[in-house]
Every structure is written in C-alpha cells, then in structure tokens.
Amino acid sequence: QVQLVESGGGLVQPGGSLRLSCTASVSGFNIYLMGWYRQAPGKQRELVATFSRAHNSNYADSVKGRFTISRDNTKNTVHLQMNNLKPEDTAVYYCNAEFRGTLYWGQGTQVTVSS
C-alpha cells in the first residue's frame, strides 16, 4: 500500500505560477512511475506529466513548455512546476504512482486559475 500526499494547490491569476508537490509513503527508488493527472468539472481525468525511474519525462501537449515535472527519490517526492497558467488549467490535480504493478492515487489538490 502506498499513500500519496499532495500539496501546493490554490488560486492564481492567469499567467501566474504554482508548484505542486507529492510525497509517497514508500521509497522513491522503488516506484517505477510518478506523475500528475488532472480532472476538470464535467471532463475525464487526463494525463499532465509523468517521470519514470529511468528519468524519462512525458507531458501532455497542452502543458509542454509551461509545466516541468521533477522527482527526488531520496525524498520520495515528485513536483510539478506550473508556469504561465491559463484558466483552462483549472482542475483538481492528482498525484499518481506505479508501485509493484499497482497504481496509487493521491486525494487531489485544487488548482484554480482566475482573475
């Protein structure tokens, strides 16, 4: 069982920045893939970015060039730096981890981009 705890959401104006963090309850060195997904009201959950244990990152086209995912296995954490935020980035953001073939999810953190 893996617990994921997210932090860093909030309200920000368009063009602003936020940094999300997620800490896992198991060693980051044992987690194959960590990442972020988001779900806007009335929409399906979608991939934002992932970072593998082999240091490969993957981004949704809609966030490329604006968001950066990073991972620190020594602290069991994954971060999502979000710059130049747009109203369409408004959603609940969920941390995700693949550990021993099972996917785990955090409780979600709200990000609202509005003037």
C-alpha atoms as a PDB file:
ATOM      1  CA  GLN A   1       0.000   0.000   0.000  1.00  0.00           C
ATOM      2  CA  VAL A   2       1.268   3.435  -0.957  1.00  0.00           C
ATOM      3  CA  GLN A   3      -0.020   6.693   0.468  1.00  0.00           C
ATOM      4  CA  LEU A   4       0.405   9.824  -1.625  1.00  0.00           C
ATOM      5  CA  VAL A   5       0.019  13.257  -0.064  1.00  0.00           C
ATOM      6  CA  GLU A   6      -0.261  16.304  -2.307  1.00  0.00           C
ATOM      7  CA  SER A   7       0.212  19.964  -1.524  1.00  0.00           C
ATOM      8  CA  GLY A   8       0.603  23.293  -3.275  1.00  0.00           C
ATOM      9  CA  GLY A   9      -2.721  23.922  -4.962  1.00  0.00           C
ATOM     10  CA  GLY A  10      -4.600  27.179  -4.764  1.00  0.00           C
ATOM     11  CA  LEU A  11      -5.963  30.197  -6.585  1.00  0.00           C
ATOM     12  CA  VAL A  12      -3.746  32.043  -9.031  1.00  0.00           C
ATOM     13  CA  GLN A  13      -4.268  34.672 -11.706  1.00  0.00           C
ATOM     14  CA  PRO A  14      -3.722  33.878 -15.392  1.00  0.00           C
ATOM     15  CA  GLY A  15      -0.032  33.990 -16.185  1.00  0.00           C
ATOM     16  CA  GLY A  16       0.903  33.089 -12.644  1.00  0.00           C
ATOM     17  CA  SER A  17       2.755  30.098 -11.255  1.00  0.00           C
ATOM     18  CA  LEU A  18       2.179  27.310  -8.770  1.00  0.00           C
ATOM     19  CA  ARG A  19       4.274  24.366  -7.613  1.00  0.00           C
ATOM     20  CA  LEU A  20       2.609  21.119  -6.654  1.00  0.00           C
ATOM     21  CA  SER A  21       4.335  18.525  -4.506  1.00  0.00           C
ATOM     22  CA  CYS A  22       3.536  14.917  -3.751  1.00  0.00           C
ATOM     23  CA  THR A  23       5.213  12.732  -1.155  1.00  0.00           C
ATOM     24  CA  ALA A  24       4.952   8.952  -1.175  1.00  0.00           C
ATOM     25  CA  SER A  25       4.972   6.691   1.865  1.00  0.00           C
ATOM     26  CA  VAL A  26       7.466   4.295   0.276  1.00  0.00           C
ATOM     27  CA  SER A  27      10.954   4.793  -1.091  1.00  0.00           C
ATOM     28  CA  GLY A  28      11.001   6.675  -4.359  1.00  0.00           C
ATOM     29  CA  PHE A  29      13.683   4.286  -5.612  1.00  0.00           C
ATOM     30  CA  ASN A  30      11.055   1.519  -5.632  1.00  0.00           C
ATOM     31  CA  ILE A  31       8.412   3.464  -7.536  1.00  0.00           C
ATOM     32  CA  TYR A  32       8.522   2.884 -11.274  1.00  0.00           C
ATOM     33  CA  LEU A  33       6.489   5.869 -12.427  1.00  0.00           C
ATOM     34  CA  MET A  34       5.268   9.007 -10.684  1.00  0.00           C
ATOM     35  CA  GLY A  35       3.160  11.653 -12.272  1.00  0.00           C
ATOM     36  CA  TRP A  36       0.300  14.089 -12.270  1.00  0.00           C
ATOM     37  CA  TYR A  37      -3.171  13.901 -13.740  1.00  0.00           C
ATOM     38  CA  ARG A  38      -5.983  16.421 -13.612  1.00  0.00           C
ATOM     39  CA  GLN A  39      -9.740  16.448 -13.829  1.00  0.00           C
ATOM     40  CA  ALA A  40     -11.784  19.498 -14.680  1.00  0.00           C
ATOM     41  CA  PRO A  41     -15.527  19.696 -13.905  1.00  0.00           C
ATOM     42  CA  GLY A  42     -17.513  17.625 -16.385  1.00  0.00           C
ATOM     43  CA  LYS A  43     -14.395  16.174 -18.006  1.00  0.00           C
ATOM     44  CA  GLN A  44     -12.443  12.942 -17.781  1.00  0.00           C
ATOM     45  CA  ARG A  45      -9.218  12.682 -15.841  1.00  0.00           C
ATOM     46  CA  GLU A  46      -6.284  13.362 -18.132  1.00  0.00           C
ATOM     47  CA  LEU A  47      -2.532  12.956 -18.053  1.00  0.00           C
ATOM     48  CA  VAL A  48      -0.495  16.066 -17.280  1.00  0.00           C
ATOM     49  CA  ALA A  49       3.042  14.729 -16.877  1.00  0.00           C
ATOM     50  CA  THR A  50       4.941  11.653 -15.754  1.00  0.00           C
ATOM     51  CA  PHE A  51       8.503  10.931 -14.658  1.00  0.00           C
ATOM     52  CA  SER A  52       9.889   7.414 -14.707  1.00  0.00           C
ATOM     53  CA  ARG A  53      12.518   5.831 -12.503  1.00  0.00           C
ATOM     54  CA  ALA A  54      14.765   5.913 -15.578  1.00  0.00           C
ATOM     55  CA  HIS A  55      14.454   9.704 -15.610  1.00  0.00           C
ATOM     56  CA  ASN A  56      12.212   9.848 -18.669  1.00  0.00           C
ATOM     57  CA  SER A  57       9.552  12.558 -18.611  1.00  0.00           C
ATOM     58  CA  ASN A  58       6.373  12.815 -20.626  1.00  0.00           C
ATOM     59  CA  TYR A  59       3.993  15.765 -20.980  1.00  0.00           C
ATOM     60  CA  ALA A  60       0.553  16.438 -22.354  1.00  0.00           C
ATOM     61  CA  ASP A  61       0.755  18.684 -25.401  1.00  0.00           C
ATOM     62  CA  SER A  62      -1.355  21.299 -23.649  1.00  0.00           C
ATOM     63  CA  VAL A  63       1.277  21.873 -20.940  1.00  0.00           C
ATOM     64  CA  LYS A  64       4.544  21.448 -22.848  1.00  0.00           C
ATOM     65  CA  GLY A  65       6.799  24.443 -22.389  1.00  0.00           C
ATOM     66  CA  ARG A  66       4.823  25.674 -19.370  1.00  0.00           C
ATOM     67  CA  PHE A  67       4.948  22.820 -16.847  1.00  0.00           C
ATOM     68  CA  THR A  68       8.001  20.971 -15.559  1.00  0.00           C
ATOM     69  CA  ILE A  69       7.917  17.708 -13.647  1.00  0.00           C
ATOM     70  CA  SER A  70      10.762  16.706 -11.371  1.00  0.00           C
ATOM     71  CA  ARG A  71      11.401  13.873  -8.983  1.00  0.00           C
ATOM     72  CA  ASP A  72      13.579  13.379  -5.913  1.00  0.00           C
ATOM     73  CA  ASN A  73      13.820   9.711  -4.998  1.00  0.00           C
ATOM     74  CA  THR A  74      15.786  10.469  -1.821  1.00  0.00           C
ATOM     75  CA  LYS A  75      12.748  12.354  -0.503  1.00  0.00           C
ATOM     76  CA  ASN A  76      10.097  10.162  -2.175  1.00  0.00           C
ATOM     77  CA  THR A  77       8.682  13.236  -3.870  1.00  0.00           C
ATOM     78  CA  VAL A  78       7.511  14.416  -7.252  1.00  0.00           C
ATOM     79  CA  HIS A  79       6.936  18.064  -8.081  1.00  0.00           C
ATOM     80  CA  LEU A  80       5.049  19.871 -10.808  1.00  0.00           C
ATOM     81  CA  GLN A  81       6.163  23.425 -11.520  1.00  0.00           C
ATOM     82  CA  MET A  82       3.382  25.190 -13.399  1.00  0.00           C
ATOM     83  CA  ASN A  83       4.151  28.485 -15.119  1.00  0.00           C
ATOM     84  CA  ASN A  84       2.094  30.768 -17.340  1.00  0.00           C
ATOM     85  CA  LEU A  85      -1.086  29.225 -16.011  1.00  0.00           C
ATOM     86  CA  LYS A  86      -4.265  29.572 -18.037  1.00  0.00           C
ATOM     87  CA  PRO A  87      -7.929  29.393 -16.987  1.00  0.00           C
ATOM     88  CA  GLU A  88      -8.184  26.061 -18.822  1.00  0.00           C
ATOM     89  CA  ASP A  89      -5.635  24.621 -16.379  1.00  0.00           C
ATOM     90  CA  THR A  90      -8.271  24.852 -13.652  1.00  0.00           C
ATOM     91  CA  ALA A  91      -8.843  21.360 -12.294  1.00  0.00           C
ATOM     92  CA  VAL A  92      -8.244  19.003  -9.417  1.00  0.00           C
ATOM     93  CA  TYR A  93      -4.702  17.699  -9.779  1.00  0.00           C
ATOM     94  CA  TYR A  94      -3.951  14.155  -8.685  1.00  0.00           C
ATOM     95  CA  CYS A  95      -0.606  12.595  -7.930  1.00  0.00           C
ATOM     96  CA  ASN A  96      -0.127   9.087  -9.283  1.00  0.00           C
ATOM     97  CA  ALA A  97       2.438   6.375  -8.594  1.00  0.00           C
ATOM     98  CA  GLU A  98       3.016   2.955 -10.073  1.00  0.00           C
ATOM     99  CA  PHE A  99       4.456   0.630  -7.435  1.00  0.00           C
ATOM    100  CA  ARG A 100       4.938  -3.104  -7.986  1.00  0.00           C
ATOM    101  CA  GLY A 101       2.418  -3.117 -10.817  1.00  0.00           C
ATOM    102  CA  THR A 102      -0.316  -1.271  -8.933  1.00  0.00           C
ATOM    103  CA  LEU A 103      -1.434   2.318  -9.496  1.00  0.00           C
ATOM    104  CA  TYR A 104      -1.993   4.543  -6.494  1.00  0.00           C
ATOM    105  CA  TRP A 105      -3.638   7.968  -6.325  1.00  0.00           C
ATOM    106  CA  GLY A 106      -3.477  10.917  -4.019  1.00  0.00           C
ATOM    107  CA  GLN A 107      -6.554  12.699  -2.726  1.00  0.00           C
ATOM    108  CA  GLY A 108      -6.197  15.577  -5.170  1.00  0.00           C
ATOM    109  CA  THR A 109      -5.450  19.267  -4.829  1.00  0.00           C
ATOM    110  CA  GLN A 110      -7.496  22.055  -6.394  1.00  0.00           C
ATOM    111  CA  VAL A 111      -5.859  24.473  -8.822  1.00  0.00           C
ATOM    112  CA  THR A 112      -7.970  27.444  -9.882  1.00  0.00           C
ATOM    113  CA  VAL A 113      -6.747  29.950 -12.459  1.00  0.00           C
ATOM    114  CA  SER A 114      -8.929  33.013 -12.479  1.00  0.00           C
ATOM    115  CA  SER A 115      -8.714  36.786 -12.443  1.00  0.00           C
END
